[in-house]
Amino acid sequence: MELCKLENVSKTYMMGEKVCPLQNVDLVVNAGDFISIEGSSGIGKSTLLYVMGSLLKPDEGKLYLGKKDVSLLTDRQLTTLRAEKIGFIFQETNLIQALTLQENLEFAQSLGKEGKTDPQEISALLERLGLANRKDFLPYQLSGGQRRRAMAARVLINHPVLILADEPTNDLDNVWAGEIVQLFLEAVKKGSAVVMATHNNKWAAEATARYRMEHEKLALLDK
């Protein structure tokens, strides 16, 4: 099942001069895909994920989410679609600073399609990610690695069909980075798709398809 498609997508910024991180990019993401997007820093990996998640509008080309042409959706329809279907793990911390870790996950889960919270599921995920003893901590009381794991938990708790992960293993040692990737693999087996921007070859090798961003385009790499 097709979850996301980019057709001839280009994106340009003006930063003193014209910068074009994406030029005529095509990509199809189906249920069960685990795709890595590799390349050096500043090459356009984050921009690509932001466009795929409809957080940035392409200057040219089309974005389809679940067969829907995003350009034809109202802001309200798009917000609902993102809330119900897409999970975005940002490089920057996006936890709610006034809420504890437990409350962050409860709030995120309440925004999902079911609109309910499941304390047992939240507790199990926090335990698995080594955060159970930090559930009553505020984000500023967590270390960088703990916040990184917490952001992943905040997304995974809703079982989104499309997970867009921007360098999700940064700040993590091999044990916890491996656990995050294992959770991605489990989500993929259940029918979700993961698109992960990374410069870590070890974790990129777990993907079913590897692409490199270079010269504003995507190049499919051999596994």
N, C-alpha and C. Protein backbone atom coordinates (compact mmCIF):
# COMPACT_ATOMS: atom_id res chain seq x y z
N MET A 1 0.86 -1.20 0.00
CA MET A 1 0.00 0.00 0.00
C MET A 1 0.89 1.24 0.00
N GLU A 2 0.58 2.14 -0.90
CA GLU A 2 1.36 3.38 -1.00
C GLU A 2 0.99 4.35 0.12
N LEU A 3 1.97 4.81 0.86
CA LEU A 3 1.74 5.74 1.97
C LEU A 3 2.16 7.17 1.63
N CYS A 4 3.18 7.29 0.80
CA CYS A 4 3.71 8.61 0.48
C CYS A 4 4.39 8.57 -0.87
N LYS A 5 4.19 9.62 -1.67
CA LYS A 5 4.85 9.70 -2.97
C LYS A 5 5.25 11.14 -3.27
N LEU A 6 6.48 11.31 -3.69
CA LEU A 6 6.95 12.60 -4.18
C LEU A 6 7.15 12.50 -5.68
N GLU A 7 6.60 13.46 -6.40
CA GLU A 7 6.74 13.50 -7.85
C GLU A 7 7.41 14.80 -8.27
N ASN A 8 8.64 14.69 -8.75
CA ASN A 8 9.34 15.83 -9.33
C ASN A 8 9.38 17.02 -8.37
N VAL A 9 9.69 16.73 -7.10
CA VAL A 9 9.63 17.75 -6.05
C VAL A 9 10.92 18.57 -5.99
N SER A 10 10.77 19.88 -5.95
CA SER A 10 11.89 20.79 -5.77
C SER A 10 11.59 21.75 -4.64
N LYS A 11 12.64 22.15 -3.92
CA LYS A 11 12.49 23.11 -2.82
C LYS A 11 13.69 24.04 -2.82
N THR A 12 13.41 25.34 -2.77
CA THR A 12 14.46 26.36 -2.82
C THR A 12 14.33 27.32 -1.65
N TYR A 13 15.48 27.71 -1.08
CA TYR A 13 15.51 28.74 -0.04
C TYR A 13 16.34 29.91 -0.56
N MET A 14 16.05 31.09 -0.01
CA MET A 14 16.91 32.25 -0.25
C MET A 14 17.64 32.53 1.06
N MET A 15 18.94 32.29 1.09
CA MET A 15 19.75 32.50 2.29
C MET A 15 20.95 33.36 1.89
N GLY A 16 20.63 34.60 1.48
CA GLY A 16 21.66 35.46 0.93
C GLY A 16 21.88 35.14 -0.53
N GLU A 17 21.82 33.86 -0.83
CA GLU A 17 21.87 33.38 -2.20
C GLU A 17 20.87 32.24 -2.34
N LYS A 18 20.60 31.87 -3.55
CA LYS A 18 19.63 30.79 -3.81
C LYS A 18 20.23 29.44 -3.44
N VAL A 19 19.53 28.72 -2.57
CA VAL A 19 19.95 27.38 -2.17
C VAL A 19 18.85 26.41 -2.54
N CYS A 20 19.18 25.36 -3.25
CA CYS A 20 18.18 24.40 -3.73
C CYS A 20 18.54 23.00 -3.23
N PRO A 21 18.10 22.62 -2.01
CA PRO A 21 18.46 21.30 -1.47
C PRO A 21 17.77 20.15 -2.18
N LEU A 22 16.60 20.39 -2.78
CA LEU A 22 15.87 19.35 -3.49
C LEU A 22 15.57 19.81 -4.91
N GLN A 23 15.87 18.96 -5.87
CA GLN A 23 15.59 19.30 -7.26
C GLN A 23 15.08 18.08 -8.00
N ASN A 24 13.81 18.15 -8.38
CA ASN A 24 13.18 17.08 -9.18
C ASN A 24 13.33 15.70 -8.53
N VAL A 25 12.97 15.65 -7.23
CA VAL A 25 13.11 14.40 -6.47
C VAL A 25 11.84 13.55 -6.61
N ASP A 26 12.03 12.27 -6.89
CA ASP A 26 10.94 11.30 -6.92
C ASP A 26 11.21 10.23 -5.86
N LEU A 27 10.16 9.85 -5.13
CA LEU A 27 10.30 8.80 -4.13
C LEU A 27 8.92 8.24 -3.81
N VAL A 28 8.82 6.93 -3.71
CA VAL A 28 7.58 6.27 -3.30
C VAL A 28 7.87 5.45 -2.04
N VAL A 29 7.02 5.62 -1.03
CA VAL A 29 7.15 4.89 0.22
C VAL A 29 5.90 4.03 0.41
N ASN A 30 6.09 2.73 0.50
CA ASN A 30 4.99 1.80 0.70
C ASN A 30 4.99 1.23 2.12
N ALA A 31 3.85 0.73 2.54
CA ALA A 31 3.76 0.07 3.84
C ALA A 31 4.79 -1.06 3.89
N GLY A 32 5.51 -1.15 5.00
CA GLY A 32 6.53 -2.18 5.15
C GLY A 32 7.91 -1.76 4.70
N ASP A 33 8.06 -0.54 4.17
CA ASP A 33 9.38 -0.04 3.77
C ASP A 33 10.13 0.50 4.97
N PHE A 34 11.43 0.28 4.97
CA PHE A 34 12.34 0.94 5.91
C PHE A 34 13.43 1.55 5.04
N ILE A 35 13.37 2.85 4.87
CA ILE A 35 14.24 3.57 3.94
C ILE A 35 15.21 4.45 4.71
N SER A 36 16.48 4.37 4.36
CA SER A 36 17.46 5.29 4.94
C SER A 36 17.82 6.33 3.89
N ILE A 37 17.95 7.57 4.36
CA ILE A 37 18.39 8.68 3.52
C ILE A 37 19.73 9.13 4.08
N GLU A 38 20.78 8.92 3.30
CA GLU A 38 22.13 9.18 3.78
C GLU A 38 22.75 10.37 3.05
N GLY A 39 23.82 10.87 3.61
CA GLY A 39 24.49 12.02 3.02
C GLY A 39 25.07 12.91 4.08
N SER A 40 25.93 13.82 3.69
CA SER A 40 26.61 14.69 4.64
C SER A 40 25.65 15.71 5.24
N SER A 41 26.07 16.34 6.32
CA SER A 41 25.25 17.36 6.97
C SER A 41 25.00 18.53 6.03
N GLY A 42 23.78 19.06 6.07
CA GLY A 42 23.44 20.23 5.27
C GLY A 42 23.15 19.93 3.81
N ILE A 43 23.05 18.65 3.48
CA ILE A 43 22.86 18.26 2.07
C ILE A 43 21.40 18.29 1.64
N GLY A 44 20.47 18.30 2.62
CA GLY A 44 19.04 18.35 2.27
C GLY A 44 18.20 17.22 2.84
N LYS A 45 18.79 16.36 3.68
CA LYS A 45 18.03 15.21 4.23
C LYS A 45 16.86 15.68 5.08
N SER A 46 17.10 16.66 5.95
CA SER A 46 16.03 17.16 6.80
C SER A 46 14.94 17.83 5.98
N THR A 47 15.34 18.61 4.99
CA THR A 47 14.36 19.27 4.12
C THR A 47 13.46 18.24 3.45
N LEU A 48 14.06 17.15 2.99
CA LEU A 48 13.27 16.09 2.36
C LEU A 48 12.23 15.54 3.32
N LEU A 49 12.61 15.26 4.56
CA LEU A 49 11.67 14.72 5.54
C LEU A 49 10.57 15.73 5.87
N TYR A 50 10.94 16.99 5.96
CA TYR A 50 9.93 18.02 6.26
C TYR A 50 8.91 18.13 5.13
N VAL A 51 9.37 18.00 3.91
CA VAL A 51 8.44 18.02 2.78
C VAL A 51 7.55 16.78 2.80
N MET A 52 8.14 15.61 3.06
CA MET A 52 7.37 14.38 3.11
C MET A 52 6.29 14.43 4.19
N GLY A 53 6.60 15.09 5.30
CA GLY A 53 5.63 15.21 6.38
C GLY A 53 4.68 16.38 6.23
N SER A 54 4.75 17.06 5.08
CA SER A 54 3.91 18.21 4.74
C SER A 54 4.12 19.39 5.68
N LEU A 55 5.29 19.46 6.31
CA LEU A 55 5.63 20.61 7.15
C LEU A 55 6.26 21.72 6.33
N LEU A 56 6.76 21.37 5.15
CA LEU A 56 7.23 22.34 4.16
C LEU A 56 6.52 22.06 2.84
N LYS A 57 6.13 23.12 2.15
CA LYS A 57 5.50 22.94 0.85
C LYS A 57 6.56 22.96 -0.25
N PRO A 58 6.50 22.02 -1.16
CA PRO A 58 7.46 22.06 -2.29
C PRO A 58 7.16 23.25 -3.18
N ASP A 59 8.20 23.80 -3.77
CA ASP A 59 8.02 24.90 -4.73
C ASP A 59 7.51 24.36 -6.06
N GLU A 60 7.93 23.14 -6.36
CA GLU A 60 7.47 22.47 -7.59
C GLU A 60 7.23 21.00 -7.28
N GLY A 61 6.37 20.39 -8.08
CA GLY A 61 6.09 18.97 -7.91
C GLY A 61 4.93 18.70 -6.98
N LYS A 62 4.69 17.42 -6.75
CA LYS A 62 3.53 16.98 -5.98
C LYS A 62 3.93 16.07 -4.83
N LEU A 63 3.21 16.22 -3.72
CA LEU A 63 3.32 15.31 -2.58
C LEU A 63 1.97 14.64 -2.38
N TYR A 64 1.98 13.31 -2.34
CA TYR A 64 0.77 12.53 -2.06
C TYR A 64 0.97 11.78 -0.75
N LEU A 65 -0.03 11.85 0.11
CA LEU A 65 -0.03 11.09 1.36
C LEU A 65 -1.25 10.18 1.32
N GLY A 66 -1.02 8.88 1.26
CA GLY A 66 -2.13 7.94 1.17
C GLY A 66 -3.01 8.20 -0.03
N LYS A 67 -2.39 8.49 -1.18
CA LYS A 67 -3.10 8.75 -2.45
C LYS A 67 -3.74 10.13 -2.51
N LYS A 68 -3.64 10.91 -1.43
CA LYS A 68 -4.25 12.24 -1.43
C LYS A 68 -3.22 13.29 -1.84
N ASP A 69 -3.60 14.11 -2.79
CA ASP A 69 -2.76 15.22 -3.22
C ASP A 69 -2.80 16.28 -2.12
N VAL A 70 -1.69 16.47 -1.45
CA VAL A 70 -1.65 17.37 -0.29
C VAL A 70 -2.04 18.79 -0.66
N SER A 71 -1.73 19.21 -1.88
CA SER A 71 -2.03 20.58 -2.30
C SER A 71 -3.52 20.86 -2.36
N LEU A 72 -4.35 19.80 -2.38
CA LEU A 72 -5.80 19.97 -2.46
C LEU A 72 -6.48 19.92 -1.09
N LEU A 73 -5.71 19.69 -0.04
CA LEU A 73 -6.28 19.58 1.30
C LEU A 73 -6.30 20.94 2.00
N THR A 74 -7.32 21.16 2.83
CA THR A 74 -7.35 22.35 3.66
C THR A 74 -6.35 22.19 4.80
N ASP A 75 -6.02 23.30 5.46
CA ASP A 75 -5.10 23.23 6.60
C ASP A 75 -5.64 22.30 7.68
N ARG A 76 -6.93 22.33 7.88
CA ARG A 76 -7.54 21.48 8.91
C ARG A 76 -7.44 20.00 8.52
N GLN A 77 -7.72 19.70 7.27
CA GLN A 77 -7.62 18.31 6.80
C GLN A 77 -6.17 17.81 6.91
N LEU A 78 -5.25 18.67 6.59
CA LEU A 78 -3.84 18.31 6.63
C LEU A 78 -3.37 18.08 8.07
N THR A 79 -3.83 18.92 8.98
CA THR A 79 -3.48 18.75 10.39
C THR A 79 -4.01 17.43 10.92
N THR A 80 -5.24 17.09 10.56
CA THR A 80 -5.84 15.82 10.98
C THR A 80 -5.07 14.63 10.41
N LEU A 81 -4.71 14.73 9.13
CA LEU A 81 -3.97 13.66 8.48
C LEU A 81 -2.63 13.43 9.16
N ARG A 82 -1.92 14.51 9.45
CA ARG A 82 -0.63 14.38 10.13
C ARG A 82 -0.79 13.76 11.51
N ALA A 83 -1.80 14.21 12.25
CA ALA A 83 -2.00 13.72 13.61
C ALA A 83 -2.33 12.22 13.64
N GLU A 84 -3.07 11.76 12.64
CA GLU A 84 -3.53 10.38 12.63
C GLU A 84 -2.57 9.41 11.94
N LYS A 85 -1.75 9.92 11.02
CA LYS A 85 -0.98 9.01 10.17
C LYS A 85 0.53 9.14 10.30
N ILE A 86 1.05 10.33 10.67
CA ILE A 86 2.48 10.60 10.57
C ILE A 86 3.10 10.82 11.94
N GLY A 87 4.24 10.20 12.17
CA GLY A 87 5.03 10.46 13.37
C GLY A 87 6.37 11.04 12.96
N PHE A 88 6.74 12.18 13.53
CA PHE A 88 7.96 12.86 13.13
C PHE A 88 8.90 12.96 14.32
N ILE A 89 10.08 12.33 14.20
CA ILE A 89 11.11 12.45 15.22
C ILE A 89 12.10 13.51 14.73
N PHE A 90 12.03 14.69 15.35
CA PHE A 90 12.87 15.81 14.95
C PHE A 90 14.26 15.68 15.57
N GLN A 91 15.23 16.39 14.98
CA GLN A 91 16.54 16.48 15.62
C GLN A 91 16.46 17.30 16.89
N GLU A 92 15.62 18.34 16.87
CA GLU A 92 15.47 19.20 18.03
C GLU A 92 14.44 18.60 18.99
N THR A 93 14.62 18.88 20.28
CA THR A 93 13.67 18.39 21.27
C THR A 93 12.31 19.04 21.07
N ASN A 94 11.26 18.24 20.93
CA ASN A 94 9.91 18.79 20.79
C ASN A 94 8.98 18.30 21.89
N LEU A 95 9.57 17.94 23.02
CA LEU A 95 8.76 17.58 24.18
C LEU A 95 8.14 18.85 24.78
N ILE A 96 6.98 18.70 25.39
CA ILE A 96 6.33 19.84 26.05
C ILE A 96 7.01 20.05 27.39
N GLN A 97 7.65 21.21 27.54
CA GLN A 97 8.53 21.43 28.69
C GLN A 97 7.79 21.47 30.03
N ALA A 98 6.51 21.82 30.02
CA ALA A 98 5.76 21.93 31.27
C ALA A 98 5.18 20.60 31.73
N LEU A 99 5.32 19.54 30.91
CA LEU A 99 4.76 18.24 31.23
C LEU A 99 5.87 17.24 31.56
N THR A 100 5.58 16.33 32.47
CA THR A 100 6.53 15.25 32.75
C THR A 100 6.62 14.32 31.54
N LEU A 101 7.58 13.44 31.58
CA LEU A 101 7.73 12.48 30.49
C LEU A 101 6.47 11.64 30.32
N GLN A 102 5.93 11.15 31.42
CA GLN A 102 4.69 10.36 31.39
C GLN A 102 3.56 11.19 30.77
N GLU A 103 3.43 12.43 31.19
CA GLU A 103 2.36 13.30 30.69
C GLU A 103 2.56 13.61 29.21
N ASN A 104 3.82 13.75 28.78
CA ASN A 104 4.09 13.98 27.35
C ASN A 104 3.55 12.84 26.52
N LEU A 105 3.79 11.61 26.97
CA LEU A 105 3.32 10.45 26.21
C LEU A 105 1.81 10.32 26.28
N GLU A 106 1.22 10.61 27.43
CA GLU A 106 -0.24 10.57 27.56
C GLU A 106 -0.89 11.59 26.63
N PHE A 107 -0.31 12.78 26.59
CA PHE A 107 -0.87 13.83 25.72
C PHE A 107 -0.75 13.43 24.26
N ALA A 108 0.42 12.92 23.87
CA ALA A 108 0.61 12.48 22.49
C ALA A 108 -0.37 11.39 22.11
N GLN A 109 -0.56 10.43 23.00
CA GLN A 109 -1.47 9.32 22.72
C GLN A 109 -2.92 9.80 22.62
N SER A 110 -3.27 10.80 23.41
CA SER A 110 -4.65 11.31 23.39
C SER A 110 -4.97 12.02 22.08
N LEU A 111 -3.93 12.44 21.34
CA LEU A 111 -4.14 13.11 20.06
C LEU A 111 -4.25 12.13 18.90
N GLY A 112 -4.03 10.86 19.16
CA GLY A 112 -4.09 9.85 18.13
C GLY A 112 -5.49 9.57 17.66
N LYS A 113 -5.59 8.65 16.72
CA LYS A 113 -6.86 8.35 16.09
C LYS A 113 -7.91 7.88 17.09
N GLU A 114 -7.49 7.09 18.06
CA GLU A 114 -8.45 6.56 19.05
C GLU A 114 -8.82 7.60 20.10
N GLY A 115 -7.97 8.58 20.32
CA GLY A 115 -8.25 9.62 21.30
C GLY A 115 -8.23 9.12 22.74
N LYS A 116 -7.55 8.00 22.96
CA LYS A 116 -7.51 7.41 24.31
C LYS A 116 -6.07 7.25 24.75
N THR A 117 -5.89 7.04 26.06
CA THR A 117 -4.57 6.73 26.58
C THR A 117 -4.57 5.31 27.14
N ASP A 118 -3.42 4.69 27.07
CA ASP A 118 -3.25 3.32 27.55
C ASP A 118 -2.05 3.30 28.49
N PRO A 119 -2.29 3.46 29.80
CA PRO A 119 -1.19 3.54 30.77
C PRO A 119 -0.26 2.34 30.72
N GLN A 120 -0.79 1.16 30.48
CA GLN A 120 0.05 -0.03 30.44
C GLN A 120 1.00 0.00 29.25
N GLU A 121 0.50 0.44 28.10
CA GLU A 121 1.34 0.53 26.91
C GLU A 121 2.43 1.57 27.10
N ILE A 122 2.07 2.69 27.70
CA ILE A 122 3.05 3.75 27.97
C ILE A 122 4.12 3.24 28.92
N SER A 123 3.72 2.58 29.98
CA SER A 123 4.68 2.06 30.96
C SER A 123 5.62 1.04 30.32
N ALA A 124 5.08 0.18 29.46
CA ALA A 124 5.89 -0.85 28.81
C ALA A 124 6.93 -0.22 27.88
N LEU A 125 6.53 0.82 27.14
CA LEU A 125 7.46 1.47 26.22
C LEU A 125 8.55 2.22 26.99
N LEU A 126 8.16 2.89 28.07
CA LEU A 126 9.16 3.59 28.88
C LEU A 126 10.15 2.61 29.50
N GLU A 127 9.64 1.47 29.93
CA GLU A 127 10.51 0.43 30.50
C GLU A 127 11.49 -0.07 29.44
N ARG A 128 11.00 -0.32 28.27
CA ARG A 128 11.85 -0.85 27.20
C ARG A 128 12.95 0.13 26.82
N LEU A 129 12.66 1.42 26.89
CA LEU A 129 13.64 2.43 26.51
C LEU A 129 14.44 2.95 27.70
N GLY A 130 14.34 2.25 28.83
CA GLY A 130 15.14 2.62 29.99
C GLY A 130 14.75 3.93 30.62
N LEU A 131 13.47 4.30 30.50
CA LEU A 131 13.01 5.59 30.99
C LEU A 131 11.96 5.47 32.10
N ALA A 132 11.69 4.27 32.55
CA ALA A 132 10.63 4.08 33.55
C ALA A 132 10.90 4.88 34.82
N ASN A 133 12.16 4.95 35.22
CA ASN A 133 12.49 5.68 36.45
C ASN A 133 12.63 7.18 36.21
N ARG A 134 12.30 7.61 35.00
CA ARG A 134 12.33 9.05 34.68
C ARG A 134 10.94 9.55 34.29
N LYS A 135 9.92 8.75 34.47
CA LYS A 135 8.59 9.10 33.98
C LYS A 135 8.02 10.37 34.60
N ASP A 136 8.44 10.71 35.81
CA ASP A 136 7.93 11.91 36.48
C ASP A 136 8.87 13.09 36.35
N PHE A 137 9.89 12.95 35.50
CA PHE A 137 10.85 14.03 35.29
C PHE A 137 10.32 14.97 34.20
N LEU A 138 10.65 16.26 34.32
CA LEU A 138 10.39 17.23 33.26
C LEU A 138 11.51 17.12 32.23
N PRO A 139 11.26 17.52 30.99
CA PRO A 139 12.28 17.37 29.95
C PRO A 139 13.64 17.94 30.30
N TYR A 140 13.68 19.09 30.97
CA TYR A 140 14.98 19.70 31.27
C TYR A 140 15.78 18.87 32.28
N GLN A 141 15.11 17.95 32.97
CA GLN A 141 15.79 17.10 33.94
C GLN A 141 16.36 15.83 33.30
N LEU A 142 16.13 15.65 32.02
CA LEU A 142 16.62 14.49 31.30
C LEU A 142 17.93 14.81 30.58
N SER A 143 18.77 13.80 30.43
CA SER A 143 20.00 13.98 29.65
C SER A 143 19.65 14.05 28.17
N GLY A 144 20.64 14.42 27.35
CA GLY A 144 20.40 14.50 25.91
C GLY A 144 19.96 13.17 25.33
N GLY A 145 20.61 12.09 25.74
CA GLY A 145 20.23 10.77 25.25
C GLY A 145 18.86 10.34 25.72
N GLN A 146 18.52 10.69 26.96
CA GLN A 146 17.19 10.36 27.47
C GLN A 146 16.11 11.14 26.73
N ARG A 147 16.38 12.38 26.41
CA ARG A 147 15.41 13.17 25.64
C ARG A 147 15.24 12.58 24.24
N ARG A 148 16.35 12.13 23.64
CA ARG A 148 16.26 11.52 22.32
C ARG A 148 15.36 10.28 22.36
N ARG A 149 15.53 9.43 23.36
CA ARG A 149 14.69 8.24 23.50
C ARG A 149 13.25 8.63 23.79
N ALA A 150 13.07 9.68 24.59
CA ALA A 150 11.72 10.14 24.92
C ALA A 150 10.99 10.64 23.69
N MET A 151 11.71 11.32 22.79
CA MET A 151 11.08 11.81 21.57
C MET A 151 10.64 10.65 20.68
N ALA A 152 11.47 9.61 20.63
CA ALA A 152 11.09 8.43 19.87
C ALA A 152 9.86 7.78 20.48
N ALA A 153 9.83 7.67 21.81
CA ALA A 153 8.68 7.07 22.50
C ALA A 153 7.41 7.87 22.23
N ARG A 154 7.54 9.19 22.22
CA ARG A 154 6.38 10.07 22.01
C ARG A 154 5.74 9.82 20.64
N VAL A 155 6.56 9.48 19.66
CA VAL A 155 6.06 9.18 18.32
C VAL A 155 5.53 7.75 18.24
N LEU A 156 6.32 6.80 18.73
CA LEU A 156 5.97 5.39 18.57
C LEU A 156 4.72 4.98 19.35
N ILE A 157 4.39 5.71 20.39
CA ILE A 157 3.25 5.34 21.23
C ILE A 157 1.93 5.38 20.45
N ASN A 158 1.92 6.12 19.33
CA ASN A 158 0.67 6.23 18.55
C ASN A 158 0.64 5.31 17.34
N HIS A 159 1.68 4.53 17.12
CA HIS A 159 1.73 3.59 16.00
C HIS A 159 1.40 4.27 14.67
N PRO A 160 2.11 5.35 14.32
CA PRO A 160 1.82 6.02 13.05
C PRO A 160 2.15 5.11 11.87
N VAL A 161 1.45 5.29 10.77
CA VAL A 161 1.71 4.45 9.60
C VAL A 161 2.96 4.92 8.85
N LEU A 162 3.32 6.19 9.02
CA LEU A 162 4.52 6.74 8.39
C LEU A 162 5.36 7.42 9.46
N ILE A 163 6.55 6.89 9.69
CA ILE A 163 7.47 7.45 10.68
C ILE A 163 8.62 8.12 9.94
N LEU A 164 8.79 9.42 10.18
CA LEU A 164 9.86 10.19 9.57
C LEU A 164 10.86 10.55 10.67
N ALA A 165 12.03 9.96 10.62
CA ALA A 165 12.99 10.08 11.72
C ALA A 165 14.25 10.79 11.25
N ASP A 166 14.52 11.94 11.84
CA ASP A 166 15.65 12.78 11.45
C ASP A 166 16.81 12.57 12.43
N GLU A 167 17.80 11.77 12.03
CA GLU A 167 18.95 11.42 12.86
C GLU A 167 18.51 10.94 14.25
N PRO A 168 17.66 9.91 14.32
CA PRO A 168 17.07 9.49 15.60
C PRO A 168 18.05 8.84 16.56
N THR A 169 19.24 8.44 16.08
CA THR A 169 20.21 7.78 16.96
C THR A 169 21.30 8.73 17.46
N ASN A 170 21.20 10.00 17.12
CA ASN A 170 22.15 10.98 17.67
C ASN A 170 22.08 10.97 19.19
N ASP A 171 23.19 11.20 19.86
CA ASP A 171 23.29 11.28 21.33
C ASP A 171 23.10 9.93 22.00
N LEU A 172 22.99 8.84 21.23
CA LEU A 172 22.72 7.53 21.83
C LEU A 172 23.92 6.60 21.65
N ASP A 173 24.17 5.78 22.69
CA ASP A 173 25.19 4.75 22.54
C ASP A 173 24.61 3.62 21.69
N ASN A 174 25.43 2.64 21.38
CA ASN A 174 25.01 1.56 20.47
C ASN A 174 23.83 0.76 21.02
N VAL A 175 23.78 0.60 22.34
CA VAL A 175 22.69 -0.19 22.94
C VAL A 175 21.35 0.47 22.69
N TRP A 176 21.24 1.77 23.03
CA TRP A 176 19.95 2.44 22.91
C TRP A 176 19.64 2.79 21.46
N ALA A 177 20.66 3.10 20.67
CA ALA A 177 20.42 3.32 19.24
C ALA A 177 19.88 2.05 18.61
N GLY A 178 20.44 0.91 18.99
CA GLY A 178 19.96 -0.36 18.47
C GLY A 178 18.53 -0.66 18.87
N GLU A 179 18.16 -0.25 20.07
CA GLU A 179 16.78 -0.48 20.53
C GLU A 179 15.80 0.37 19.73
N ILE A 180 16.17 1.60 19.44
CA ILE A 180 15.31 2.46 18.61
C ILE A 180 15.13 1.85 17.23
N VAL A 181 16.22 1.40 16.62
CA VAL A 181 16.14 0.79 15.29
C VAL A 181 15.32 -0.49 15.34
N GLN A 182 15.46 -1.26 16.42
CA GLN A 182 14.65 -2.48 16.55
C GLN A 182 13.17 -2.15 16.62
N LEU A 183 12.82 -1.10 17.31
CA LEU A 183 11.41 -0.67 17.37
C LEU A 183 10.92 -0.25 15.98
N PHE A 184 11.79 0.39 15.20
CA PHE A 184 11.43 0.73 13.82
C PHE A 184 11.16 -0.54 13.01
N LEU A 185 12.03 -1.53 13.16
CA LEU A 185 11.88 -2.79 12.42
C LEU A 185 10.57 -3.48 12.79
N GLU A 186 10.21 -3.43 14.06
CA GLU A 186 8.96 -4.04 14.51
C GLU A 186 7.76 -3.29 13.94
N ALA A 187 7.85 -1.96 13.89
CA ALA A 187 6.76 -1.17 13.31
C ALA A 187 6.58 -1.50 11.83
N VAL A 188 7.69 -1.67 11.13
CA VAL A 188 7.65 -2.01 9.71
C VAL A 188 6.98 -3.37 9.50
N LYS A 189 7.29 -4.33 10.35
CA LYS A 189 6.68 -5.66 10.23
C LYS A 189 5.17 -5.61 10.43
N LYS A 190 4.70 -4.60 11.16
CA LYS A 190 3.27 -4.46 11.41
C LYS A 190 2.57 -3.63 10.34
N GLY A 191 3.33 -3.19 9.33
CA GLY A 191 2.71 -2.48 8.21
C GLY A 191 2.97 -1.00 8.14
N SER A 192 3.73 -0.45 9.10
CA SER A 192 4.11 0.95 9.00
C SER A 192 5.28 1.09 8.04
N ALA A 193 5.69 2.31 7.78
CA ALA A 193 6.89 2.58 7.00
C ALA A 193 7.75 3.56 7.77
N VAL A 194 9.06 3.41 7.64
CA VAL A 194 10.01 4.30 8.30
C VAL A 194 10.93 4.90 7.24
N VAL A 195 11.09 6.22 7.30
CA VAL A 195 12.09 6.90 6.48
C VAL A 195 13.02 7.61 7.46
N MET A 196 14.27 7.18 7.46
CA MET A 196 15.24 7.65 8.47
C MET A 196 16.41 8.36 7.81
N ALA A 197 16.60 9.62 8.15
CA ALA A 197 17.79 10.34 7.72
C ALA A 197 18.91 10.03 8.70
N THR A 198 20.06 9.62 8.17
CA THR A 198 21.16 9.23 9.05
C THR A 198 22.49 9.34 8.31
N HIS A 199 23.55 9.52 9.08
CA HIS A 199 24.90 9.41 8.51
C HIS A 199 25.64 8.24 9.14
N ASN A 200 24.89 7.39 9.88
CA ASN A 200 25.47 6.24 10.56
C ASN A 200 25.29 4.99 9.70
N ASN A 201 26.37 4.49 9.14
CA ASN A 201 26.28 3.34 8.23
C ASN A 201 25.76 2.09 8.91
N LYS A 202 26.09 1.92 10.19
CA LYS A 202 25.65 0.72 10.91
C LYS A 202 24.13 0.61 10.92
N TRP A 203 23.46 1.72 11.25
CA TRP A 203 22.00 1.68 11.34
C TRP A 203 21.36 1.80 9.97
N ALA A 204 22.01 2.49 9.05
CA ALA A 204 21.49 2.57 7.68
C ALA A 204 21.44 1.18 7.04
N ALA A 205 22.37 0.33 7.43
CA ALA A 205 22.43 -1.02 6.87
C ALA A 205 21.22 -1.87 7.26
N GLU A 206 20.47 -1.47 8.28
CA GLU A 206 19.27 -2.20 8.69
C GLU A 206 18.08 -1.91 7.77
N ALA A 207 18.19 -0.86 6.96
CA ALA A 207 17.08 -0.47 6.09
C ALA A 207 16.92 -1.44 4.93
N THR A 208 15.72 -1.51 4.41
CA THR A 208 15.44 -2.37 3.25
C THR A 208 15.82 -1.68 1.95
N ALA A 209 15.93 -0.36 1.98
CA ALA A 209 16.37 0.41 0.80
C ALA A 209 17.18 1.61 1.28
N ARG A 210 18.32 1.82 0.65
CA ARG A 210 19.21 2.91 1.05
C ARG A 210 19.37 3.91 -0.10
N TYR A 211 19.20 5.19 0.24
CA TYR A 211 19.37 6.25 -0.74
C TYR A 211 20.43 7.23 -0.23
N ARG A 212 21.15 7.82 -1.15
CA ARG A 212 22.08 8.88 -0.80
C ARG A 212 21.61 10.18 -1.43
N MET A 213 21.58 11.24 -0.62
CA MET A 213 21.25 12.56 -1.12
C MET A 213 22.52 13.23 -1.62
N GLU A 214 22.56 13.55 -2.90
CA GLU A 214 23.72 14.23 -3.47
C GLU A 214 23.29 15.00 -4.70
N HIS A 215 23.86 16.19 -4.84
CA HIS A 215 23.54 17.05 -5.99
C HIS A 215 22.03 17.29 -6.10
N GLU A 216 21.39 17.52 -4.94
CA GLU A 216 19.97 17.85 -4.82
C GLU A 216 19.03 16.71 -5.23
N LYS A 217 19.57 15.50 -5.42
CA LYS A 217 18.73 14.39 -5.86
C LYS A 217 19.01 13.15 -5.01
N LEU A 218 18.14 12.15 -5.16
CA LEU A 218 18.31 10.89 -4.45
C LEU A 218 18.88 9.84 -5.38
N ALA A 219 19.89 9.14 -4.88
CA ALA A 219 20.48 8.04 -5.65
C ALA A 219 20.29 6.76 -4.85
N LEU A 220 19.69 5.74 -5.44
CA LEU A 220 19.49 4.46 -4.78
C LEU A 220 20.82 3.74 -4.68
N LEU A 221 21.13 3.28 -3.46
CA LEU A 221 22.39 2.57 -3.23
C LEU A 221 22.14 1.07 -3.23
N ASP A 222 23.17 0.33 -3.59
CA ASP A 222 23.08 -1.13 -3.46
C ASP A 222 23.14 -1.50 -1.99
N LYS A 223 22.34 -2.49 -1.58
CA LYS A 223 22.34 -2.96 -0.19
C LYS A 223 23.65 -3.66 0.13
